[in-house]
PDB file of N, CA and C in Angstrom:
ATOM      1  N   MET A   1      13.813  60.238  -3.722  1.00  0.00           N
ATOM      2  CA  MET A   1      13.270  61.366  -5.319  1.00  0.00           C
ATOM      3  C   MET A   1      12.353  61.874  -5.146  1.00  0.00           C
ATOM      4  N   GLN A   2      12.373  63.484  -5.657  1.00  0.00           N
ATOM      5  CA  GLN A   2      11.194  64.036  -6.017  1.00  0.00           C
ATOM      6  C   GLN A   2      10.976  63.684  -7.494  1.00  0.00           C
ATOM      7  N   PRO A   3       9.694  63.593  -7.504  1.00  0.00           N
ATOM      8  CA  PRO A   3       9.052  64.294  -9.497  1.00  0.00           C
ATOM      9  C   PRO A   3       9.884  64.663 -10.121  1.00  0.00           C
ATOM     10  N   ALA A   4       9.410  65.914  -9.334  1.00  0.00           N
ATOM     11  CA  ALA A   4      10.601  66.409 -10.244  1.00  0.00           C
ATOM     12  C   ALA A   4      11.797  66.180 -10.722  1.00  0.00           C
ATOM     13  N   GLU A   5      12.252  65.920 -10.158  1.00  0.00           N
ATOM     14  CA  GLU A   5      14.146  65.941  -9.709  1.00  0.00           C
ATOM     15  C   GLU A   5      14.116  64.336 -11.682  1.00  0.00           C
ATOM     16  N   ILE A   6      13.276  63.423 -11.223  1.00  0.00           N
ATOM     17  CA  ILE A   6      12.996  62.349 -12.540  1.00  0.00           C
ATOM     18  C   ILE A   6      12.954  63.412 -13.427  1.00  0.00           C
ATOM     19  N   GLU A   7      11.913  63.763 -12.659  1.00  0.00           N
ATOM     20  CA  GLU A   7      11.265  64.711 -14.544  1.00  0.00           C
ATOM     21  C   GLU A   7      12.244  65.334 -15.286  1.00  0.00           C
ATOM     22  N   GLU A   8      13.318  66.038 -14.473  1.00  0.00           N
ATOM     23  CA  GLU A   8      14.316  66.242 -15.134  1.00  0.00           C
ATOM     24  C   GLU A   8      14.798  66.205 -15.819  1.00  0.00           C
ATOM     25  N   LEU A   9      15.619  64.277 -14.928  1.00  0.00           N
ATOM     26  CA  LEU A   9      16.353  64.086 -15.970  1.00  0.00           C
ATOM     27  C   LEU A   9      15.894  62.590 -17.180  1.00  0.00           C
ATOM     28  N   ILE A  10      14.531  63.243 -17.131  1.00  0.00           N
ATOM     29  CA  ILE A  10      13.747  61.952 -18.287  1.00  0.00           C
ATOM     30  C   ILE A  10      13.845  63.518 -19.175  1.00  0.00           C
ATOM     31  N   ILE A  11      13.741  64.261 -18.711  1.00  0.00           N
ATOM     32  CA  ILE A  11      13.623  65.516 -19.789  1.00  0.00           C
ATOM     33  C   ILE A  11      15.143  65.858 -20.757  1.00  0.00           C
ATOM     34  N   ALA A  12      15.791  65.433 -20.258  1.00  0.00           N
ATOM     35  CA  ALA A  12      17.268  66.011 -20.840  1.00  0.00           C
ATOM     36  C   ALA A  12      17.661  64.476 -21.558  1.00  0.00           C
ATOM     37  N   GLY A  13      16.762  63.270 -21.816  1.00  0.00           N
ATOM     38  CA  GLY A  13      17.335  62.456 -22.151  1.00  0.00           C
ATOM     39  C   GLY A  13      16.706  62.050 -23.422  1.00  0.00           C
ATOM     40  N   PHE A  14      15.594  63.925 -23.772  1.00  0.00           N
ATOM     41  CA  PHE A  14      15.025  63.645 -25.266  1.00  0.00           C
ATOM     42  C   PHE A  14      15.252  65.573 -25.359  1.00  0.00           C
ATOM     43  N   GLU A  15      14.604  65.529 -27.118  1.00  0.00           N
ATOM     44  CA  GLU A  15      15.165  66.607 -27.602  1.00  0.00           C
ATOM     45  C   GLU A  15      14.355  67.383 -27.141  1.00  0.00           C
ATOM     46  N   ASP A  16      13.047  67.043 -27.308  1.00  0.00           N
ATOM     47  CA  ASP A  16      11.797  68.225 -27.119  1.00  0.00           C
ATOM     48  C   ASP A  16      10.739  67.466 -26.535  1.00  0.00           C
ATOM     49  N   ALA A  17      10.871  67.216 -25.240  1.00  0.00           N
ATOM     50  CA  ALA A  17       9.331  66.436 -24.683  1.00  0.00           C
ATOM     51  C   ALA A  17       8.743  66.874 -23.564  1.00  0.00           C
ATOM     52  N   THR A  18       7.458  66.342 -23.576  1.00  0.00           N
ATOM     53  CA  THR A  18       6.821  66.994 -22.086  1.00  0.00           C
ATOM     54  C   THR A  18       6.978  65.651 -20.991  1.00  0.00           C
ATOM     55  N   VAL A  19       7.292  66.179 -20.047  1.00  0.00           N
ATOM     56  CA  VAL A  19       6.914  65.280 -19.323  1.00  0.00           C
ATOM     57  C   VAL A  19       6.561  65.433 -17.665  1.00  0.00           C
ATOM     58  N   ARG A  20       5.482  64.582 -17.764  1.00  0.00           N
ATOM     59  CA  ARG A  20       4.564  64.960 -16.238  1.00  0.00           C
ATOM     60  C   ARG A  20       5.237  63.547 -15.411  1.00  0.00           C
ATOM     61  N   VAL A  21       5.330  64.116 -13.181  1.00  0.00           N
ATOM     62  CA  VAL A  21       5.729  62.909 -13.114  1.00  0.00           C
ATOM     63  C   VAL A  21       5.216  62.942 -11.680  1.00  0.00           C
ATOM     64  N   ALA A  22       4.417  61.657 -10.579  1.00  0.00           N
ATOM     65  CA  ALA A  22       3.602  62.432 -10.250  1.00  0.00           C
ATOM     66  C   ALA A  22       4.213  60.634  -8.887  1.00  0.00           C
ATOM     67  N   SER A  23       4.191  61.431  -7.592  1.00  0.00           N
ATOM     68  CA  SER A  23       3.577  60.331  -6.363  1.00  0.00           C
ATOM     69  C   SER A  23       3.124  60.493  -5.414  1.00  0.00           C
ATOM     70  N   ASP A  24       2.353  59.164  -4.866  1.00  0.00           N
ATOM     71  CA  ASP A  24       2.430  59.424  -3.294  1.00  0.00           C
ATOM     72  C   ASP A  24       3.752  59.678  -2.353  1.00  0.00           C
ATOM     73  N   ASP A  25       4.326  58.961  -2.337  1.00  0.00           N
ATOM     74  CA  ASP A  25       5.716  58.464  -1.478  1.00  0.00           C
ATOM     75  C   ASP A  25       7.143  58.555  -1.259  1.00  0.00           C
ATOM     76  N   ASN A  26       7.196  58.986  -2.926  1.00  0.00           N
ATOM     77  CA  ASN A  26       8.418  59.355  -3.625  1.00  0.00           C
ATOM     78  C   ASN A  26       9.325  57.940  -3.476  1.00  0.00           C
ATOM     79  N   HIS A  27       9.031  57.065  -3.902  1.00  0.00           N
ATOM     80  CA  HIS A  27       9.476  55.641  -4.422  1.00  0.00           C
ATOM     81  C   HIS A  27       8.390  54.527  -5.648  1.00  0.00           C
ATOM     82  N   HIS A  28       7.480  55.575  -5.807  1.00  0.00           N
ATOM     83  CA  HIS A  28       6.666  54.749  -6.758  1.00  0.00           C
ATOM     84  C   HIS A  28       6.033  56.106  -7.482  1.00  0.00           C
ATOM     85  N   PHE A  29       6.125  55.700  -8.795  1.00  0.00           N
ATOM     86  CA  PHE A  29       6.306  57.161  -9.344  1.00  0.00           C
ATOM     87  C   PHE A  29       5.156  56.618 -10.182  1.00  0.00           C
ATOM     88  N   GLU A  30       4.611  57.611 -10.698  1.00  0.00           N
ATOM     89  CA  GLU A  30       3.919  57.459 -12.659  1.00  0.00           C
ATOM     90  C   GLU A  30       4.593  58.362 -13.576  1.00  0.00           C
ATOM     91  N   ALA A  31       4.725  58.037 -14.898  1.00  0.00           N
ATOM     92  CA  ALA A  31       4.906  58.545 -15.470  1.00  0.00           C
ATOM     93  C   ALA A  31       3.948  59.082 -16.690  1.00  0.00           C
ATOM     94  N   LEU A  32       4.056  60.159 -17.741  1.00  0.00           N
ATOM     95  CA  LEU A  32       3.257  60.663 -18.467  1.00  0.00           C
ATOM     96  C   LEU A  32       4.866  61.222 -19.431  1.00  0.00           C
ATOM     97  N   VAL A  33       5.342  60.708 -20.627  1.00  0.00           N
ATOM     98  CA  VAL A  33       6.423  61.156 -21.333  1.00  0.00           C
ATOM     99  C   VAL A  33       5.431  61.238 -22.438  1.00  0.00           C
ATOM    100  N   VAL A  34       6.225  62.319 -23.228  1.00  0.00           N
ATOM    101  CA  VAL A  34       5.677  62.988 -24.415  1.00  0.00           C
ATOM    102  C   VAL A  34       6.292  62.947 -25.645  1.00  0.00           C
ATOM    103  N   ALA A  35       6.650  62.438 -26.537  1.00  0.00           N
ATOM    104  CA  ALA A  35       8.237  62.239 -27.713  1.00  0.00           C
ATOM    105  C   ALA A  35       8.371  61.794 -28.751  1.00  0.00           C
ATOM    106  N   ALA A  36       8.508  62.597 -29.507  1.00  0.00           N
ATOM    107  CA  ALA A  36       8.247  62.544 -31.112  1.00  0.00           C
ATOM    108  C   ALA A  36       9.456  61.839 -30.970  1.00  0.00           C
ATOM    109  N   GLU A  37      10.164  61.087 -30.444  1.00  0.00           N
ATOM    110  CA  GLU A  37      11.489  59.620 -30.415  1.00  0.00           C
ATOM    111  C   GLU A  37      10.495  58.821 -30.246  1.00  0.00           C
ATOM    112  N   PHE A  38       9.121  58.629 -30.192  1.00  0.00           N
ATOM    113  CA  PHE A  38       8.575  57.545 -29.384  1.00  0.00           C
ATOM    114  C   PHE A  38       7.898  56.419 -30.917  1.00  0.00           C
ATOM    115  N   GLU A  39       7.835  57.804 -31.575  1.00  0.00           N
ATOM    116  CA  GLU A  39       7.585  57.415 -32.521  1.00  0.00           C
ATOM    117  C   GLU A  39       7.690  56.346 -34.011  1.00  0.00           C
ATOM    118  N   GLY A  40       6.913  54.727 -34.402  1.00  0.00           N
ATOM    119  CA  GLY A  40       7.449  54.341 -34.734  1.00  0.00           C
ATOM    120  C   GLY A  40       7.236  53.488 -33.963  1.00  0.00           C
ATOM    121  N   LYS A  41       7.468  53.189 -32.608  1.00  0.00           N
ATOM    122  CA  LYS A  41       8.253  52.467 -32.046  1.00  0.00           C
ATOM    123  C   LYS A  41       7.262  51.589 -30.722  1.00  0.00           C
ATOM    124  N   ARG A  42       7.384  50.520 -30.357  1.00  0.00           N
ATOM    125  CA  ARG A  42       6.660  49.794 -29.735  1.00  0.00           C
ATOM    126  C   ARG A  42       6.738  49.777 -28.509  1.00  0.00           C
ATOM    127  N   PRO A  43       5.768  50.191 -27.954  1.00  0.00           N
ATOM    128  CA  PRO A  43       5.821  49.752 -25.710  1.00  0.00           C
ATOM    129  C   PRO A  43       7.147  49.904 -25.167  1.00  0.00           C
ATOM    130  N   LEU A  44       7.509  48.811 -25.342  1.00  0.00           N
ATOM    131  CA  LEU A  44       8.616  47.972 -24.643  1.00  0.00           C
ATOM    132  C   LEU A  44       9.753  49.051 -25.142  1.00  0.00           C
ATOM    133  N   ALA A  45      10.408  49.301 -26.388  1.00  0.00           N
ATOM    134  CA  ALA A  45      10.624  50.075 -26.763  1.00  0.00           C
ATOM    135  C   ALA A  45      10.966  51.529 -26.103  1.00  0.00           C
ATOM    136  N   ARG A  46       9.496  51.976 -26.095  1.00  0.00           N
ATOM    137  CA  ARG A  46       9.554  53.284 -25.960  1.00  0.00           C
ATOM    138  C   ARG A  46       9.885  53.072 -24.098  1.00  0.00           C
ATOM    139  N   HIS A  47       9.574  52.361 -23.346  1.00  0.00           N
ATOM    140  CA  HIS A  47      10.110  52.301 -22.427  1.00  0.00           C
ATOM    141  C   HIS A  47      10.963  51.957 -21.878  1.00  0.00           C
ATOM    142  N   GLN A  48      12.188  51.593 -22.559  1.00  0.00           N
ATOM    143  CA  GLN A  48      13.456  51.036 -22.431  1.00  0.00           C
ATOM    144  C   GLN A  48      14.072  53.039 -22.539  1.00  0.00           C
ATOM    145  N   LEU A  49      13.650  53.596 -23.382  1.00  0.00           N
ATOM    146  CA  LEU A  49      14.210  54.753 -23.703  1.00  0.00           C
ATOM    147  C   LEU A  49      14.109  55.506 -22.405  1.00  0.00           C
ATOM    148  N   VAL A  50      12.744  54.961 -21.800  1.00  0.00           N
ATOM    149  CA  VAL A  50      12.325  56.353 -20.672  1.00  0.00           C
ATOM    150  C   VAL A  50      13.633  55.812 -19.511  1.00  0.00           C
ATOM    151  N   TYR A  51      13.442  54.155 -19.625  1.00  0.00           N
ATOM    152  CA  TYR A  51      14.873  53.225 -18.497  1.00  0.00           C
ATOM    153  C   TYR A  51      16.152  54.320 -18.298  1.00  0.00           C
ATOM    154  N   LYS A  52      16.509  54.380 -20.002  1.00  0.00           N
ATOM    155  CA  LYS A  52      18.039  54.841 -20.004  1.00  0.00           C
ATOM    156  C   LYS A  52      18.122  56.638 -19.536  1.00  0.00           C
ATOM    157  N   CYS A  53      17.019  56.965 -19.460  1.00  0.00           N
ATOM    158  CA  CYS A  53      17.467  58.114 -18.814  1.00  0.00           C
ATOM    159  C   CYS A  53      17.663  57.805 -17.419  1.00  0.00           C
ATOM    160  N   LEU A  54      17.342  57.327 -16.735  1.00  0.00           N
ATOM    161  CA  LEU A  54      17.023  56.461 -15.836  1.00  0.00           C
ATOM    162  C   LEU A  54      18.048  56.304 -14.520  1.00  0.00           C
ATOM    163  N   GLY A  55      18.902  55.120 -15.164  1.00  0.00           N
ATOM    164  CA  GLY A  55      19.538  54.883 -15.397  1.00  0.00           C
ATOM    165  C   GLY A  55      20.206  54.108 -13.847  1.00  0.00           C
ATOM    166  N   ALA A  56      20.460  53.595 -12.598  1.00  0.00           N
ATOM    167  CA  ALA A  56      20.749  52.617 -12.109  1.00  0.00           C
ATOM    168  C   ALA A  56      20.087  53.044 -11.241  1.00  0.00           C
ATOM    169  N   LEU A  57      19.098  54.419 -11.155  1.00  0.00           N
ATOM    170  CA  LEU A  57      18.061  54.958 -10.152  1.00  0.00           C
ATOM    171  C   LEU A  57      16.286  54.276  -9.629  1.00  0.00           C
ATOM    172  N   VAL A  58      16.228  53.418 -11.295  1.00  0.00           N
ATOM    173  CA  VAL A  58      15.159  52.461 -10.928  1.00  0.00           C
ATOM    174  C   VAL A  58      15.965  51.022 -10.767  1.00  0.00           C
ATOM    175  N   GLY A  59      14.661  50.618  -9.419  1.00  0.00           N
ATOM    176  CA  GLY A  59      15.424  49.923  -8.801  1.00  0.00           C
ATOM    177  C   GLY A  59      15.263  50.398  -7.655  1.00  0.00           C
ATOM    178  N   ASP A  60      16.163  51.484  -8.177  1.00  0.00           N
ATOM    179  CA  ASP A  60      17.235  51.766  -6.313  1.00  0.00           C
ATOM    180  C   ASP A  60      16.060  52.441  -5.184  1.00  0.00           C
ATOM    181  N   GLU A  61      16.551  54.273  -6.349  1.00  0.00           N
ATOM    182  CA  GLU A  61      15.568  55.388  -5.319  1.00  0.00           C
ATOM    183  C   GLU A  61      14.502  55.584  -6.108  1.00  0.00           C
ATOM    184  N   ILE A  62      13.901  54.898  -7.421  1.00  0.00           N
ATOM    185  CA  ILE A  62      12.702  54.659  -8.163  1.00  0.00           C
ATOM    186  C   ILE A  62      12.387  53.464  -7.956  1.00  0.00           C
ATOM    187  N   HIS A  63      11.766  53.146  -6.943  1.00  0.00           N
ATOM    188  CA  HIS A  63      10.773  51.283  -6.880  1.00  0.00           C
ATOM    189  C   HIS A  63      10.251  51.159  -7.845  1.00  0.00           C
ATOM    190  N   ALA A  64       9.335  51.734  -8.368  1.00  0.00           N
ATOM    191  CA  ALA A  64       8.398  51.822  -9.499  1.00  0.00           C
ATOM    192  C   ALA A  64       7.988  52.637 -10.142  1.00  0.00           C
ATOM    193  N   LEU A  65       8.154  52.316 -11.772  1.00  0.00           N
ATOM    194  CA  LEU A  65       7.606  53.308 -12.502  1.00  0.00           C
ATOM    195  C   LEU A  65       6.662  52.870 -13.120  1.00  0.00           C
ATOM    196  N   SER A  66       5.255  53.493 -13.625  1.00  0.00           N
ATOM    197  CA  SER A  66       4.485  53.083 -14.452  1.00  0.00           C
ATOM    198  C   SER A  66       4.865  54.270 -15.370  1.00  0.00           C
ATOM    199  N   ILE A  67       4.889  54.041 -16.399  1.00  0.00           N
ATOM    200  CA  ILE A  67       4.914  54.903 -17.752  1.00  0.00           C
ATOM    201  C   ILE A  67       4.076  54.599 -18.401  1.00  0.00           C
ATOM    202  N   SER A  68       3.876  55.798 -19.191  1.00  0.00           N
ATOM    203  CA  SER A  68       2.396  56.189 -20.791  1.00  0.00           C
ATOM    204  C   SER A  68       4.017  57.220 -21.250  1.00  0.00           C
ATOM    205  N   ALA A  69       4.173  56.443 -22.438  1.00  0.00           N
ATOM    206  CA  ALA A  69       4.972  56.916 -23.623  1.00  0.00           C
ATOM    207  C   ALA A  69       3.764  57.088 -24.925  1.00  0.00           C
ATOM    208  N   MET A  70       3.923  58.588 -25.252  1.00  0.00           N
ATOM    209  CA  MET A  70       2.837  58.469 -25.831  1.00  0.00           C
ATOM    210  C   MET A  70       4.221  59.755 -27.171  1.00  0.00           C
ATOM    211  N   THR A  71       3.557  59.475 -28.838  1.00  0.00           N
ATOM    212  CA  THR A  71       4.141  60.010 -29.092  1.00  0.00           C
ATOM    213  C   THR A  71       3.366  62.173 -29.294  1.00  0.00           C
ATOM    214  N   PRO A  72       3.668  63.060 -29.907  1.00  0.00           N
ATOM    215  CA  PRO A  72       2.430  64.508 -29.537  1.00  0.00           C
ATOM    216  C   PRO A  72       0.788  63.694 -30.352  1.00  0.00           C
ATOM    217  N   ASP A  73       0.970  63.159 -31.869  1.00  0.00           N
ATOM    218  CA  ASP A  73       0.232  63.110 -32.480  1.00  0.00           C
ATOM    219  C   ASP A  73      -0.766  61.850 -30.710  1.00  0.00           C
ATOM    220  N   GLU A  74      -0.376  60.747 -30.610  1.00  0.00           N
ATOM    221  CA  GLU A  74      -1.156  60.291 -29.599  1.00  0.00           C
ATOM    222  C   GLU A  74      -2.070  61.332 -28.935  1.00  0.00           C
ATOM    223  N   TRP A  75      -0.925  61.846 -27.096  1.00  0.00           N
ATOM    224  CA  TRP A  75      -1.543  63.337 -26.498  1.00  0.00           C
ATOM    225  C   TRP A  75      -2.806  63.445 -26.856  1.00  0.00           C
ATOM    226  N   GLN A  76      -2.298  64.024 -28.333  1.00  0.00           N
ATOM    227  CA  GLN A  76      -3.647  65.368 -28.695  1.00  0.00           C
ATOM    228  C   GLN A  76      -5.190  64.202 -28.804  1.00  0.00           C
ATOM    229  N   GLN A  77      -4.357  63.062 -29.817  1.00  0.00           N
ATOM    230  CA  GLN A  77      -5.483  62.472 -29.377  1.00  0.00           C
ATOM    231  C   GLN A  77      -5.566  61.718 -28.226  1.00  0.00           C
ATOM    232  N   ALA A  78      -5.743  61.312 -27.040  1.00  0.00           N
ATOM    233  CA  ALA A  78      -6.084  60.805 -25.907  1.00  0.00           C
ATOM    234  C   ALA A  78      -6.652  62.634 -24.841  1.00  0.00           C
ATOM    235  N   ARG A  79      -6.295  63.034 -25.655  1.00  0.00           N
ATOM    236  CA  ARG A  79      -6.556  64.810 -24.789  1.00  0.00           C
ATOM    237  C   ARG A  79      -7.616  65.369 -25.509  1.00  0.00           C
ATOM    238  N   GLY A  80      -8.332  64.989 -26.479  1.00  0.00           N
ATOM    239  CA  GLY A  80      -9.735  64.644 -27.273  1.00  0.00           C
ATOM    240  C   GLY A  80     -10.382  64.546 -27.493  1.00  0.00           C
ATOM    241  N   ALA A  81     -10.015  62.954 -26.141  1.00  0.00           N
ATOM    242  CA  ALA A  81     -10.612  61.567 -26.764  1.00  0.00           C
ATOM    243  C   ALA A  81     -11.340  62.107 -24.976  1.00  0.00           C
TER     244      ALA A  81
END
């Protein structure tokens, strides 16, 4: 699976998200997801929202996924640091 395909699936699951997915081998992926839906949610709940977008692909075509899930404010602060 290509990173761009995963990006599309994640984007489709959120109202207005910034998503970047990278991979060296197309089995292990790193995803940055910035979405307002994460506001007030703990990291586990944020990750669950991302996994919901990918369904059964996780553990199959997506062997491993590292997720950085941030609100727009958190992302802005991280970029300024």
